[in-house]
Amino acid sequence: MNTILVVEDDTLIGNAIENWLGQSSNVDWVQSLTEAETALVTRAYDIVVLDLGLPDGHGFTLLKIMKRKKIDAGVLILSAYGEIGTRIEGLDYGADDYLVKPIDFKELDARIRSIKRRKDGHNSPVIEHRDIEFDINGRTVHKNGQAVGLSGKEVAIFSILIQGRGRYFSKSMLEARIYEDTSMIEGNSIEVHISALRRKLGKSLIKTTRGLGYIIEKDNIV
């Protein structure tokens, strides 16, 4: 049974979502950014259903907090803001999916199931890719059975790409996930780390597509 945190300040919507999801999941419902942060550091959740317009801050702030605190829960943004720019920004900040209000509850269920399936695909503590093994919990990398020394930022980038295999990550997405203050990043920092990963793990490991970003192709994962 899933454990879901609903972050929604509208009483009618929040109550409706809680009642609907509560039929098949354990659901906590909070109405502010502060309450959400407290809940996330005191209980492990599988999924966070997140409204963006909260009374004490923006939902994107919670995404930043989750990244900083390394809170590994799937996030479904649920918002009245349907502009493509806002949707892209939410995904770039680390959300797994984005649903625009008003919602259909059966679609909400389907989106949550989809996120959970993707998350469950990463439950194995070791991911194998060709001759590379990545220990998710230990954050160690081996190639042909030999340990490979990576810097903290290199490990962070590799972890994102290997666990998100088959998905493109833009430079801005990677920056938002591995740096707390993106204003202090040197312009080519991500490129430098990607170059180092290719040098240490293989030139063909990470592919780049202009306009999309970086990817480790899913078909190459064992």
Protein backbone atom coordinates (compact mmCIF):
# COMPACT_ATOMS: atom_id res chain seq x y z
CA MET A 1 0.00 0.00 0.00
CA ASN A 2 1.34 3.41 -0.99
CA THR A 3 2.00 6.13 1.55
CA ILE A 4 1.06 9.47 0.02
CA LEU A 5 1.51 13.06 1.19
CA VAL A 6 -1.04 15.49 -0.25
CA VAL A 7 0.07 19.14 -0.09
CA GLU A 8 -3.00 21.23 -0.96
CA ASP A 9 -4.26 24.40 0.73
CA ASP A 10 -7.76 24.35 -0.79
CA THR A 11 -9.96 22.58 1.77
CA LEU A 12 -12.51 21.18 -0.67
CA ILE A 13 -9.89 19.86 -3.10
CA GLY A 14 -7.62 18.54 -0.38
CA ASN A 15 -10.44 16.75 1.38
CA ALA A 16 -11.67 15.22 -1.88
CA ILE A 17 -8.18 13.96 -2.83
CA GLU A 18 -7.59 12.58 0.66
CA ASN A 19 -10.89 10.69 0.61
CA TRP A 20 -10.32 9.33 -2.89
CA LEU A 21 -6.71 8.20 -2.45
CA GLY A 22 -7.42 7.00 1.08
CA GLN A 23 -9.50 4.15 -0.32
CA SER A 24 -6.35 2.33 -1.42
CA SER A 25 -3.42 4.20 0.18
CA ASN A 26 -2.23 5.65 3.47
CA VAL A 27 -2.72 9.40 3.03
CA ASP A 28 -1.57 12.43 5.01
CA TRP A 29 -2.94 15.82 3.99
CA VAL A 30 -1.23 19.11 4.85
CA GLN A 31 -2.08 22.63 3.75
CA SER A 32 1.21 24.54 3.88
CA LEU A 33 4.86 24.39 2.89
CA THR A 34 5.95 24.31 6.53
CA GLU A 35 3.68 21.38 7.35
CA ALA A 36 4.85 19.53 4.27
CA GLU A 37 8.52 19.90 5.17
CA THR A 38 7.84 18.66 8.70
CA ALA A 39 5.92 15.66 7.38
CA LEU A 40 8.65 14.72 4.91
CA VAL A 41 11.40 14.67 7.52
CA THR A 42 9.34 12.64 9.99
CA ARG A 43 7.80 9.99 7.71
CA ALA A 44 8.82 8.18 4.53
CA TYR A 45 6.42 8.71 1.63
CA ASP A 46 6.20 6.93 -1.70
CA ILE A 47 4.45 9.81 -3.46
CA VAL A 48 3.95 13.54 -2.86
CA VAL A 49 0.95 15.18 -4.57
CA LEU A 50 2.00 18.81 -4.58
CA ASP A 51 0.04 22.00 -5.20
CA LEU A 52 2.19 24.97 -6.25
CA GLY A 53 0.25 27.90 -4.79
CA LEU A 54 0.67 27.47 -1.03
CA PRO A 55 -0.07 30.13 1.60
CA ASP A 56 3.49 30.28 2.94
CA GLY A 57 5.53 29.71 -0.22
CA HIS A 58 5.75 28.13 -3.67
CA GLY A 59 5.64 24.41 -4.27
CA PHE A 60 8.95 24.59 -6.13
CA THR A 61 10.55 25.48 -2.78
CA LEU A 62 9.49 22.09 -1.44
CA LEU A 63 11.13 20.39 -4.43
CA LYS A 64 14.37 22.20 -3.59
CA ILE A 65 14.09 21.13 0.05
CA MET A 66 13.52 17.52 -0.98
CA LYS A 67 16.59 17.60 -3.19
CA ARG A 68 18.74 19.18 -0.49
CA LYS A 69 17.60 16.69 2.13
CA LYS A 70 17.81 13.77 -0.33
CA ILE A 71 14.17 12.81 0.19
CA ASP A 72 13.47 10.04 -2.32
CA ALA A 73 9.74 10.26 -3.00
CA GLY A 74 7.97 10.51 -6.34
CA VAL A 75 6.37 13.91 -6.92
CA LEU A 76 3.20 14.65 -8.87
CA ILE A 77 2.56 18.37 -9.21
CA LEU A 78 -1.14 19.18 -9.12
CA SER A 79 -1.76 22.79 -10.04
CA ALA A 80 -4.04 25.30 -11.72
CA TYR A 81 -0.94 26.71 -13.45
CA GLY A 82 -1.03 24.95 -16.80
CA GLU A 83 1.37 27.11 -18.82
CA ILE A 84 4.02 25.05 -20.58
CA GLY A 85 6.81 27.12 -19.03
CA THR A 86 5.60 26.37 -15.51
CA ARG A 87 5.19 22.69 -16.31
CA ILE A 88 8.71 22.45 -17.71
CA GLU A 89 10.11 24.33 -14.72
CA GLY A 90 8.42 21.93 -12.33
CA LEU A 91 9.87 18.91 -14.11
CA ASP A 92 13.27 20.57 -14.25
CA TYR A 93 13.14 21.04 -10.48
CA GLY A 94 12.72 17.30 -10.08
CA ALA A 95 8.99 16.51 -10.20
CA ASP A 96 8.09 13.22 -11.88
CA ASP A 97 4.81 14.35 -13.45
CA TYR A 98 2.48 17.33 -13.73
CA LEU A 99 -1.32 17.31 -13.72
CA VAL A 100 -3.39 20.44 -14.37
CA LYS A 101 -6.56 21.18 -12.40
CA PRO A 102 -9.43 20.44 -12.59
CA ILE A 103 -8.49 16.79 -12.25
CA ASP A 104 -10.08 13.48 -13.05
CA PHE A 105 -9.53 11.14 -10.11
CA LYS A 106 -9.04 8.07 -12.31
CA GLU A 107 -6.29 9.93 -14.18
CA LEU A 108 -4.79 10.92 -10.83
CA ASP A 109 -4.68 7.24 -9.89
CA ALA A 110 -3.06 6.34 -13.22
CA ARG A 111 -0.39 9.03 -12.88
CA ILE A 112 0.45 7.86 -9.35
CA ARG A 113 0.68 4.23 -10.49
CA SER A 114 3.01 5.28 -13.31
CA ILE A 115 5.33 7.17 -10.95
CA LYS A 116 5.35 4.25 -8.52
CA ARG A 117 6.25 1.78 -11.27
CA ARG A 118 9.20 3.92 -12.31
CA LYS A 119 10.36 4.29 -8.72
CA ASP A 120 10.05 0.56 -8.07
CA GLY A 121 12.27 -0.12 -11.06
CA HIS A 122 15.16 1.36 -9.08
CA ASN A 123 14.71 -0.63 -5.89
CA SER A 124 17.67 -2.92 -6.57
CA PRO A 125 20.71 -1.63 -4.66
CA VAL A 126 22.96 -2.26 -7.68
CA ILE A 127 22.34 -1.10 -11.26
CA GLU A 128 24.33 -2.87 -13.98
CA HIS A 129 25.15 -1.17 -17.27
CA ARG A 130 27.42 -3.07 -19.64
CA ASP A 131 30.64 -3.46 -17.65
CA ILE A 132 29.63 -0.90 -15.02
CA GLU A 133 28.04 -1.51 -11.63
CA PHE A 134 26.57 1.30 -9.53
CA ASP A 135 25.73 0.74 -5.86
CA ILE A 136 22.82 3.12 -5.25
CA ASN A 137 23.06 3.12 -1.47
CA GLY A 138 26.84 3.07 -1.22
CA ARG A 139 27.22 5.47 -4.17
CA THR A 140 30.19 3.49 -5.46
CA VAL A 141 30.99 2.70 -9.10
CA HIS A 142 32.89 -0.30 -10.47
CA LYS A 143 33.99 -0.91 -14.07
CA ASN A 144 35.09 -4.41 -15.04
CA GLY A 145 35.09 -5.21 -11.32
CA GLN A 146 37.52 -2.41 -10.49
CA ALA A 147 36.52 0.53 -8.29
CA VAL A 148 36.41 3.86 -10.14
CA GLY A 149 37.25 7.03 -8.23
CA LEU A 150 34.62 9.71 -8.86
CA SER A 151 34.21 13.11 -7.27
CA GLY A 152 31.07 13.89 -5.30
CA LYS A 153 29.54 15.88 -8.16
CA GLU A 154 30.46 13.18 -10.69
CA VAL A 155 28.71 10.55 -8.57
CA ALA A 156 25.68 12.81 -8.17
CA ILE A 157 25.37 13.35 -11.93
CA PHE A 158 25.95 9.68 -12.73
CA SER A 159 23.35 8.65 -10.15
CA ILE A 160 20.74 10.91 -11.75
CA LEU A 161 21.48 9.70 -15.28
CA ILE A 162 21.71 5.97 -14.50
CA GLN A 163 18.57 5.93 -12.36
CA GLY A 164 16.74 8.01 -14.96
CA ARG A 165 17.95 5.83 -17.82
CA GLY A 166 16.10 6.38 -21.05
CA ARG A 167 15.27 9.97 -20.10
CA TYR A 168 16.99 13.19 -21.12
CA PHE A 169 18.29 15.58 -18.46
CA SER A 170 19.05 19.14 -19.49
CA LYS A 171 22.00 21.04 -18.12
CA SER A 172 19.66 23.17 -15.99
CA MET A 173 17.96 20.06 -14.58
CA LEU A 174 21.28 18.61 -13.48
CA GLU A 175 22.40 21.92 -11.99
CA ALA A 176 19.18 22.27 -9.99
CA ARG A 177 19.60 18.77 -8.56
CA ILE A 178 23.24 18.83 -7.55
CA TYR A 179 23.82 22.46 -6.51
CA GLU A 180 22.05 24.21 -3.65
CA ASP A 181 22.88 27.68 -5.05
CA THR A 182 22.77 27.66 -8.85
CA SER A 183 23.80 31.33 -9.00
CA MET A 184 27.34 30.35 -8.02
CA ILE A 185 27.84 27.72 -10.73
CA GLU A 186 30.55 28.23 -13.31
CA GLY A 187 29.10 28.16 -16.83
CA ASN A 188 30.71 24.91 -17.98
CA SER A 189 30.66 22.99 -14.71
CA ILE A 190 28.25 20.28 -15.89
CA GLU A 191 30.17 19.82 -19.14
CA VAL A 192 33.41 19.36 -17.19
CA HIS A 193 31.87 16.67 -14.97
CA ILE A 194 30.26 14.88 -17.93
CA SER A 195 33.63 14.89 -19.72
CA ALA A 196 35.27 13.37 -16.64
CA LEU A 197 32.60 10.65 -16.44
CA ARG A 198 33.15 9.76 -20.10
CA ARG A 199 36.91 9.64 -19.59
CA LYS A 200 36.61 7.36 -16.56
CA LEU A 201 33.66 5.19 -17.59
CA GLY A 202 33.66 5.19 -21.39
CA LYS A 203 33.11 7.73 -24.14
CA SER A 204 29.84 6.12 -25.29
CA LEU A 205 28.30 5.99 -21.80
CA ILE A 206 26.55 9.37 -21.85
CA LYS A 207 25.05 10.66 -25.07
CA THR A 208 24.28 14.30 -25.78
CA THR A 209 21.48 15.61 -28.00
CA ARG A 210 21.34 19.32 -28.71
CA GLY A 211 18.22 20.90 -27.26
CA LEU A 212 17.42 17.87 -25.08
CA GLY A 213 20.43 17.25 -22.88
CA TYR A 214 22.23 14.17 -21.59
CA ILE A 215 21.04 10.57 -21.54
CA ILE A 216 22.15 7.05 -20.70
CA GLU A 217 20.05 5.04 -23.11
CA LYS A 218 17.71 2.55 -21.52
CA ASP A 219 18.33 -0.18 -24.12
CA ASN A 220 21.91 -0.43 -22.87
CA ILE A 221 20.87 -1.27 -19.32
CA VAL A 222 21.03 -4.94 -18.34
